[in-house]
Structures are given as structure tokens and as C-alpha cells.
C-alpha atoms as a PDB file:
ATOM      1  CA  MET A   1     -33.948   0.618   6.248  1.00  0.00           C
ATOM      2  CA  ILE A   2     -30.710  -0.686   7.764  1.00  0.00           C
ATOM      3  CA  LYS A   3     -27.564   0.818   6.285  1.00  0.00           C
ATOM      4  CA  LYS A   4     -25.168  -1.785   4.905  1.00  0.00           C
ATOM      5  CA  GLN A   5     -21.869  -1.861   6.784  1.00  0.00           C
ATOM      6  CA  LYS A   6     -18.719  -1.243   4.728  1.00  0.00           C
ATOM      7  CA  PHE A   7     -16.124  -4.005   5.088  1.00  0.00           C
ATOM      8  CA  PRO A   8     -18.308  -6.326   7.227  1.00  0.00           C
ATOM      9  CA  TYR A   9     -15.655  -9.073   7.476  1.00  0.00           C
ATOM     10  CA  LEU A  10     -12.691  -6.815   8.179  1.00  0.00           C
ATOM     11  CA  ILE A  11     -11.810  -7.923  11.726  1.00  0.00           C
ATOM     12  CA  GLY A  12      -9.820 -11.149  11.687  1.00  0.00           C
ATOM     13  CA  SER A  13      -8.977 -10.896   7.985  1.00  0.00           C
ATOM     14  CA  LYS A  14      -5.396 -11.652   6.938  1.00  0.00           C
ATOM     15  CA  TRP A  15      -3.372  -9.646   4.430  1.00  0.00           C
ATOM     16  CA  THR A  16      -0.003  -9.723   2.705  1.00  0.00           C
ATOM     17  CA  ALA A  17       1.735  -6.435   1.945  1.00  0.00           C
ATOM     18  CA  ILE A  18       3.326  -6.381  -1.520  1.00  0.00           C
ATOM     19  CA  GLN A  19       6.318  -4.539  -0.036  1.00  0.00           C
ATOM     20  CA  LYS A  20       7.584  -4.960   3.503  1.00  0.00           C
ATOM     21  CA  THR A  21       5.760  -2.658   5.902  1.00  0.00           C
ATOM     22  CA  TRP A  22       7.450  -1.930   9.205  1.00  0.00           C
ATOM     23  CA  GLY A  23       9.745  -4.855   8.367  1.00  0.00           C
ATOM     24  CA  TRP A  24       6.982  -7.416   7.781  1.00  0.00           C
ATOM     25  CA  GLN A  25       4.631  -8.591   5.048  1.00  0.00           C
ATOM     26  CA  HIS A  26       1.944 -10.631   6.839  1.00  0.00           C
ATOM     27  CA  PHE A  27      -0.714  -8.815   8.853  1.00  0.00           C
ATOM     28  CA  GLN A  28      -4.071  -9.403  10.470  1.00  0.00           C
ATOM     29  CA  VAL A  29      -6.834  -6.866  11.141  1.00  0.00           C
ATOM     30  CA  VAL A  30      -7.541  -6.742  14.878  1.00  0.00           C
ATOM     31  CA  ASN A  31      -9.749  -3.667  15.111  1.00  0.00           C
ATOM     32  CA  ARG A  32     -11.805  -1.319  12.969  1.00  0.00           C
ATOM     33  CA  GLN A  33     -12.959   2.237  13.420  1.00  0.00           C
ATOM     34  CA  ASN A  34     -15.595   4.130  11.498  1.00  0.00           C
ATOM     35  CA  GLN A  35     -15.040   7.862  11.089  1.00  0.00           C
ATOM     36  CA  GLY A  36     -17.752   9.419   8.969  1.00  0.00           C
ATOM     37  CA  GLN A  37     -17.532   7.924   5.501  1.00  0.00           C
ATOM     38  CA  TRP A  38     -14.136   6.342   6.210  1.00  0.00           C
ATOM     39  CA  VAL A  39     -13.348   2.940   7.687  1.00  0.00           C
ATOM     40  CA  PHE A  40      -9.942   2.358   9.265  1.00  0.00           C
ATOM     41  CA  ALA A  41      -8.323  -1.001  10.019  1.00  0.00           C
ATOM     42  CA  GLU A  42      -5.784  -1.656  12.756  1.00  0.00           C
ATOM     43  CA  MET A  43      -3.162  -3.959  11.309  1.00  0.00           C
ATOM     44  CA  VAL A  44      -0.889  -6.177  13.429  1.00  0.00           C
ATOM     45  CA  ALA A  45       2.141  -8.046  12.082  1.00  0.00           C
ATOM     46  CA  SER A  46       1.641 -11.793  12.394  1.00  0.00           C
ATOM     47  CA  CYS A  47       5.229 -12.385  13.579  1.00  0.00           C
ATOM     48  CA  ASP A  48       5.547  -9.386  15.907  1.00  0.00           C
ATOM     49  CA  ARG A  49       2.414  -8.359  17.813  1.00  0.00           C
ATOM     50  CA  ASN A  50       4.135  -5.096  18.829  1.00  0.00           C
ATOM     51  CA  VAL A  51       4.095  -3.895  15.207  1.00  0.00           C
ATOM     52  CA  ARG A  52       0.701  -2.290  14.670  1.00  0.00           C
ATOM     53  CA  PHE A  53      -0.672   0.612  12.683  1.00  0.00           C
ATOM     54  CA  TRP A  54      -3.948   2.008  11.329  1.00  0.00           C
ATOM     55  CA  LEU A  55      -4.730   2.403   7.635  1.00  0.00           C
ATOM     56  CA  ASN A  56      -7.690   3.400   5.527  1.00  0.00           C
ATOM     57  CA  ALA A  57      -9.459   0.112   4.726  1.00  0.00           C
ATOM     58  CA  ASN A  58      -9.939   1.229   1.110  1.00  0.00           C
ATOM     59  CA  GLN A  59      -6.200   0.695   0.621  1.00  0.00           C
ATOM     60  CA  LEU A  60      -6.758  -3.038   1.121  1.00  0.00           C
ATOM     61  CA  LYS A  61      -8.659  -3.070  -2.189  1.00  0.00           C
ATOM     62  CA  ASP A  62      -5.527  -1.924  -4.046  1.00  0.00           C
ATOM     63  CA  ARG A  63      -3.852  -5.150  -5.260  1.00  0.00           C
ATOM     64  CA  SER A  64      -0.628  -3.258  -5.995  1.00  0.00           C
ATOM     65  CA  LEU A  65      -0.337  -2.683  -2.210  1.00  0.00           C
ATOM     66  CA  TRP A  66      -2.107  -5.617  -0.506  1.00  0.00           C
ATOM     67  CA  GLN A  67      -3.135  -9.193  -1.311  1.00  0.00           C
ATOM     68  CA  PRO A  68      -5.866 -10.975   0.659  1.00  0.00           C
ATOM     69  CA  GLY A  69      -4.684 -13.850   2.835  1.00  0.00           C
ATOM     70  CA  TRP A  70      -1.147 -14.726   3.757  1.00  0.00           C
ATOM     71  CA  GLN A  71       0.782 -15.320   0.547  1.00  0.00           C
ATOM     72  CA  SER A  72       4.022 -17.323   0.399  1.00  0.00           C
ATOM     73  CA  LEU A  73       7.141 -15.875  -1.223  1.00  0.00           C
ATOM     74  CA  ALA A  74       6.551 -18.129  -4.257  1.00  0.00           C
ATOM     75  CA  GLU A  75       2.979 -16.842  -4.596  1.00  0.00           C
ATOM     76  CA  MET A  76       4.204 -13.265  -4.285  1.00  0.00           C
ATOM     77  CA  LYS A  77       6.740 -13.895  -7.067  1.00  0.00           C
ATOM     78  CA  GLU A  78       3.932 -15.223  -9.318  1.00  0.00           C
ATOM     79  CA  ILE A  79       1.876 -12.098  -8.641  1.00  0.00           C
ATOM     80  CA  GLU A  80       4.842  -9.884  -9.596  1.00  0.00           C
ATOM     81  CA  GLU A  81       5.420 -11.853 -12.811  1.00  0.00           C
ATOM     82  CA  ASP A  82       1.726 -11.638 -13.778  1.00  0.00           C
ATOM     83  CA  GLU A  83       1.827  -7.837 -13.466  1.00  0.00           C
ATOM     84  CA  PHE A  84       4.638  -7.508 -16.043  1.00  0.00           C
END
């Protein structure tokens, strides 16, 4: 039986950080790495390709940290208002 891959559509996915991360909010996953039970995503800022870092892909599921897609400032404000 083939083992189902965690986060099969990770590479190429776009994300918006709720708070600025390394000075930016919009990122794209350019690489993934499996280490045992963990999956890591290499994130690159959409406006500055030199800004890149690795994070545990499970963090992308936390909507208080990350939103899927690139969200506008107006959309981000709506998300904040919905939380309170």
C-alpha cells in the first residue's frame, strides 16, 4: 500500500503571514523537505527573493499565523475583525 504524502500541494502554494515576517507578509513555498514525521517548507518572500526561511509545514494550518493565498490589506483587516 502506498503511503499518502503529507501536504501534497505544498510547493508553489502562496501564503499570507498574519504579522510581518522578515519584513514581508506574502510568501510562496519553493521547496519542501521531509524529515521523519515532519514536513518543512521553504518560504520565499514574493517581493524579495533573497528573503527565505524554512518552517514546519504544520504551522501553515494555524490560521492565527498564516492565511492561504495572497490576501490584500482589506482582506486581512476583515480577518482580524472576524476574530474579535
